[in-house]
Amino acid sequence: MNTRLQGPDNDPENDRSRRTNEDEIDLRYRYYELDEDESGDYDPPERRAYDGWSTEKKSDSPWWVKAGIAIVSILIVLGLVAGLAGPFLGSFGSDEPERIEYVPAQVVEVVDVRTIIVDIDGELATVRYIGVEPLPLESAWYDVGILAHQQLVGNSEVLLEADEVDTDDFGRLLRYVYVDRAMINGLLLRNGIALPGEERDGLHRHHANLQTWGEAARFEQRGHWSGAPPRFVTDEGIN
């Protein structure tokens, strides 16, 4: 069975010449395709976009660069979980926590730094993080952000918190996402591997905190804000 969530019937080839850099980031999330076999088991496709609408940019980096980035991402995740998640635990409630509902879900795929696909009571849904924007495509930390996100939530049980607005224009759930009570939206921003989004009506419950964590990462020059590419060790001299 094929379920397709898609935007307007635009032709990407005809529109490509008119896109700005900001448009390119937003358009990466237009087309998704979810496949399920008759047994209901989830079978993620090799690609979930067509032509210029890919959810992940094509990389021509050699294998050792990819391996190095993977190592850096693991180190970042260790820092996130061990050194930064602790202070955040239990700090994301609102003034009326009894009115907030946290829905459990199972992550089945990490699409990019702000988008995941989850299983909620046997139903697949695409979740878009509230208050999180991807790094510029030219950032040296762009791929690291995605890899670190995969390490944080891949195949994990998460809790989803909605704000006043439930979905975006493409039917994606707009949520704050938690793993072990740590808000992933905040961890991504605090470590400079994603950018804070602008405040929107109905999506402002944790906006002040998200902006503060994004500014802290910029002040401390973490991740993307360091202005330096991720560092890794090559095999030179290891004999």
Protein backbone atom coordinates (compact mmCIF):
# COMPACT_ATOMS: atom_id res chain seq x y z
CA MET A 1 0.00 0.00 0.00
CA ASN A 2 1.37 3.42 -0.90
CA THR A 3 0.50 6.56 1.06
CA ARG A 4 1.69 9.85 -0.38
CA LEU A 5 1.91 13.17 1.45
CA GLN A 6 2.67 15.87 -1.04
CA GLY A 7 2.44 19.55 -1.69
CA PRO A 8 1.03 21.41 -4.69
CA ASP A 9 1.35 19.84 -8.13
CA ASN A 10 4.28 22.00 -9.13
CA ASP A 11 6.90 20.90 -11.59
CA PRO A 12 10.27 21.05 -9.73
CA GLU A 13 12.22 21.30 -13.01
CA ASN A 14 10.30 24.41 -14.10
CA ASP A 15 10.57 26.10 -10.69
CA ARG A 16 14.21 25.31 -9.94
CA SER A 17 15.61 28.42 -11.64
CA ARG A 18 13.35 30.68 -9.53
CA ARG A 19 14.26 29.27 -6.11
CA THR A 20 16.17 31.30 -3.54
CA ASN A 21 18.44 29.61 -1.01
CA GLU A 22 15.67 29.85 1.61
CA ASP A 23 13.18 28.29 -0.79
CA GLU A 24 15.56 25.40 -1.42
CA ILE A 25 15.55 24.53 2.28
CA ASP A 26 11.76 24.68 2.58
CA LEU A 27 11.08 22.74 -0.62
CA ARG A 28 13.12 19.80 0.63
CA TYR A 29 10.12 18.70 2.68
CA ARG A 30 7.42 18.65 0.01
CA TYR A 31 7.29 15.04 -1.22
CA TYR A 32 7.26 11.92 0.91
CA GLU A 33 6.34 8.36 0.07
CA LEU A 34 5.63 5.68 2.66
CA ASP A 35 5.50 2.01 1.73
CA GLU A 36 3.89 -0.78 3.68
CA ASP A 37 3.60 -4.38 2.57
CA GLU A 38 0.48 -6.46 3.07
CA SER A 39 1.66 -7.60 6.49
CA GLY A 40 1.83 -3.99 7.68
CA ASP A 41 5.60 -4.03 8.22
CA TYR A 42 7.32 -0.77 7.43
CA ASP A 43 9.74 -0.85 4.51
CA PRO A 44 11.53 2.51 4.11
CA PRO A 45 12.25 3.39 0.47
CA GLU A 46 15.78 4.13 -0.68
CA ARG A 47 14.70 7.63 -1.64
CA ARG A 48 11.59 9.50 -0.60
CA ALA A 49 11.75 12.32 -3.11
CA TYR A 50 12.17 12.88 -6.80
CA ASP A 51 14.55 15.00 -8.85
CA GLY A 52 15.40 18.22 -6.99
CA TRP A 53 13.05 17.51 -4.07
CA SER A 54 15.35 15.15 -2.21
CA THR A 55 15.10 15.22 1.58
CA GLU A 56 18.88 14.76 1.78
CA LYS A 57 21.41 16.42 -0.47
CA LYS A 58 23.60 14.18 -2.56
CA SER A 59 27.09 13.87 -1.18
CA ASP A 60 30.20 13.30 -3.27
CA SER A 61 32.48 13.01 -0.23
CA PRO A 62 34.88 10.03 -0.11
CA TRP A 63 34.13 7.24 2.33
CA TRP A 64 36.76 8.35 4.83
CA VAL A 65 35.17 11.79 5.12
CA LYS A 66 31.78 10.20 5.74
CA ALA A 67 33.35 7.90 8.32
CA GLY A 68 34.97 10.86 10.01
CA ILE A 69 31.70 12.77 10.12
CA ALA A 70 29.99 9.70 11.57
CA ILE A 71 32.61 9.53 14.33
CA VAL A 72 32.17 13.22 15.07
CA SER A 73 28.40 12.78 15.21
CA ILE A 74 28.73 9.96 17.73
CA LEU A 75 30.97 12.12 19.91
CA ILE A 76 28.47 14.95 19.69
CA VAL A 77 25.66 12.62 20.71
CA LEU A 78 27.67 11.42 23.70
CA GLY A 79 28.07 15.05 24.70
CA LEU A 80 24.37 15.69 24.21
CA VAL A 81 23.21 12.76 26.25
CA ALA A 82 25.85 12.74 28.98
CA GLY A 83 26.62 16.41 29.41
CA LEU A 84 23.60 18.36 28.26
CA ALA A 85 20.46 16.29 28.60
CA GLY A 86 20.75 16.16 32.37
CA PRO A 87 20.20 19.89 33.04
CA PHE A 88 17.21 19.86 30.70
CA LEU A 89 15.33 16.97 32.31
CA GLY A 90 11.97 18.07 33.62
CA SER A 91 12.47 21.68 32.54
CA PHE A 92 10.06 21.83 29.62
CA GLY A 93 6.68 22.04 31.32
CA SER A 94 4.26 24.91 30.89
CA ASP A 95 2.40 26.93 33.53
CA GLU A 96 -0.44 24.41 33.28
CA PRO A 97 1.29 21.03 32.84
CA GLU A 98 -1.84 19.09 33.73
CA ARG A 99 -3.38 20.23 30.44
CA ILE A 100 -0.52 18.96 28.27
CA GLU A 101 -0.83 15.53 26.68
CA TYR A 102 2.27 13.51 25.83
CA VAL A 103 1.64 10.87 23.18
CA PRO A 104 4.05 7.89 22.98
CA ALA A 105 5.36 6.92 19.55
CA GLN A 106 8.03 4.71 17.98
CA VAL A 107 10.51 6.31 15.57
CA VAL A 108 10.79 4.25 12.38
CA GLU A 109 12.87 6.66 10.31
CA VAL A 110 14.85 9.88 10.66
CA VAL A 111 14.30 11.90 7.50
CA ASP A 112 16.48 14.92 8.31
CA VAL A 113 17.39 17.19 11.21
CA ARG A 114 13.80 18.33 11.86
CA THR A 115 11.64 15.56 10.44
CA ILE A 116 10.95 12.01 11.62
CA ILE A 117 8.45 9.30 10.76
CA VAL A 118 6.80 7.60 13.73
CA ASP A 119 4.40 4.80 14.48
CA ILE A 120 1.49 5.88 16.70
CA ASP A 121 -0.71 2.95 17.65
CA GLY A 122 -0.01 1.23 14.33
CA GLU A 123 -0.46 4.35 12.20
CA LEU A 124 2.50 6.02 10.47
CA ALA A 125 2.81 9.79 10.71
CA THR A 126 5.37 12.38 9.67
CA VAL A 127 6.45 14.69 12.50
CA ARG A 128 7.97 18.12 11.98
CA TYR A 129 9.84 19.62 14.96
CA ILE A 130 8.47 22.91 16.25
CA GLY A 131 10.98 25.77 16.40
CA VAL A 132 13.76 23.95 14.53
CA GLU A 133 15.17 24.86 11.12
CA PRO A 134 17.94 23.03 9.22
CA LEU A 135 21.40 24.50 8.77
CA PRO A 136 22.24 26.05 5.39
CA LEU A 137 23.07 23.41 2.79
CA GLU A 138 26.60 24.80 2.47
CA SER A 139 27.32 24.42 6.20
CA ALA A 140 30.06 21.90 7.01
CA TRP A 141 27.85 20.76 9.92
CA TYR A 142 24.78 20.00 7.80
CA ASP A 143 25.45 16.26 7.51
CA VAL A 144 26.68 16.06 11.10
CA GLY A 145 23.36 17.44 12.29
CA ILE A 146 21.43 14.71 10.51
CA LEU A 147 23.76 11.96 11.77
CA ALA A 148 23.60 13.26 15.34
CA HIS A 149 19.80 13.40 15.11
CA GLN A 150 19.76 9.77 13.94
CA GLN A 151 21.87 8.77 16.92
CA LEU A 152 19.55 10.63 19.30
CA VAL A 153 16.16 9.33 18.17
CA GLY A 154 16.69 6.51 15.64
CA ASN A 155 14.56 3.45 16.53
CA SER A 156 13.68 5.07 19.86
CA GLU A 157 10.46 5.44 21.78
CA VAL A 158 9.60 9.12 22.03
CA LEU A 159 6.95 11.33 23.56
CA LEU A 160 5.20 13.88 21.37
CA GLU A 161 3.86 17.17 22.71
CA ALA A 162 1.54 19.26 20.56
CA ASP A 163 1.07 23.02 20.74
CA GLU A 164 -2.07 24.91 19.71
CA VAL A 165 -1.55 24.19 15.98
CA ASP A 166 -1.70 20.46 15.23
CA THR A 167 -0.38 20.13 11.65
CA ASP A 168 1.30 22.17 8.92
CA ASP A 169 0.05 22.78 5.39
CA PHE A 170 1.35 19.37 4.27
CA GLY A 171 -0.35 17.37 6.98
CA ARG A 172 2.79 16.81 9.07
CA LEU A 173 2.32 16.74 12.85
CA LEU A 174 3.94 19.74 14.54
CA ARG A 175 5.48 18.55 17.79
CA TYR A 176 8.03 18.92 20.56
CA VAL A 177 9.80 15.56 20.78
CA TYR A 178 11.24 14.00 23.94
CA VAL A 179 13.56 11.06 24.57
CA ASP A 180 14.04 10.15 28.25
CA ARG A 181 12.36 13.47 29.14
CA ALA A 182 14.98 15.50 27.23
CA MET A 183 13.56 17.73 24.50
CA ILE A 184 15.30 16.90 21.22
CA ASN A 185 14.26 20.25 19.71
CA GLY A 186 16.33 22.00 22.39
CA LEU A 187 19.31 19.65 22.21
CA LEU A 188 19.70 20.21 18.47
CA LEU A 189 19.69 23.99 18.90
CA ARG A 190 21.89 24.00 22.01
CA ASN A 191 24.67 22.21 20.12
CA GLY A 192 24.60 24.32 16.97
CA ILE A 193 23.49 21.55 14.64
CA ALA A 194 20.16 23.22 13.81
CA LEU A 195 18.80 26.77 13.78
CA PRO A 196 15.93 28.22 15.84
CA GLY A 197 12.78 29.04 13.91
CA GLU A 198 10.72 32.19 14.12
CA GLU A 199 7.82 32.43 16.54
CA ARG A 200 4.49 31.52 14.98
CA ASP A 201 0.95 31.94 16.25
CA GLY A 202 -0.11 28.82 18.09
CA LEU A 203 3.45 27.45 18.24
CA HIS A 204 5.02 29.46 21.04
CA ARG A 205 4.78 27.41 24.24
CA HIS A 206 8.55 26.79 24.40
CA HIS A 207 9.66 29.52 21.98
CA ALA A 208 11.57 31.55 24.59
CA ASN A 209 13.57 28.52 25.73
CA LEU A 210 14.34 27.43 22.18
CA GLN A 211 15.58 30.92 21.27
CA THR A 212 17.73 31.03 24.41
CA TRP A 213 19.38 27.69 23.62
CA GLY A 214 20.02 28.74 20.02
CA GLU A 215 21.60 31.99 21.15
CA ALA A 216 23.72 30.15 23.74
CA ALA A 217 25.11 27.86 21.02
CA ARG A 218 25.95 30.88 18.90
CA PHE A 219 27.62 32.70 21.81
CA GLU A 220 29.67 29.62 22.72
CA GLN A 221 30.45 28.93 19.03
CA ARG A 222 29.17 25.38 19.09
CA GLY A 223 28.77 23.29 15.94
CA HIS A 224 27.82 25.41 12.93
CA TRP A 225 28.60 28.61 14.84
CA SER A 226 32.24 27.59 15.35
CA GLY A 227 33.00 28.55 11.74
CA ALA A 228 35.22 25.47 11.49
CA PRO A 229 34.49 22.11 9.86
CA PRO A 230 34.07 18.98 12.01
CA ARG A 231 37.42 17.47 12.96
CA PHE A 232 38.29 13.79 12.69
CA VAL A 233 41.37 11.58 12.71
CA THR A 234 42.65 10.01 9.48
CA ASP A 235 44.67 6.79 9.25
CA GLU A 236 47.91 8.71 8.74
CA GLY A 237 50.48 7.78 11.36
CA ILE A 238 48.37 4.97 12.83
CA ASN A 239 50.59 1.98 12.11
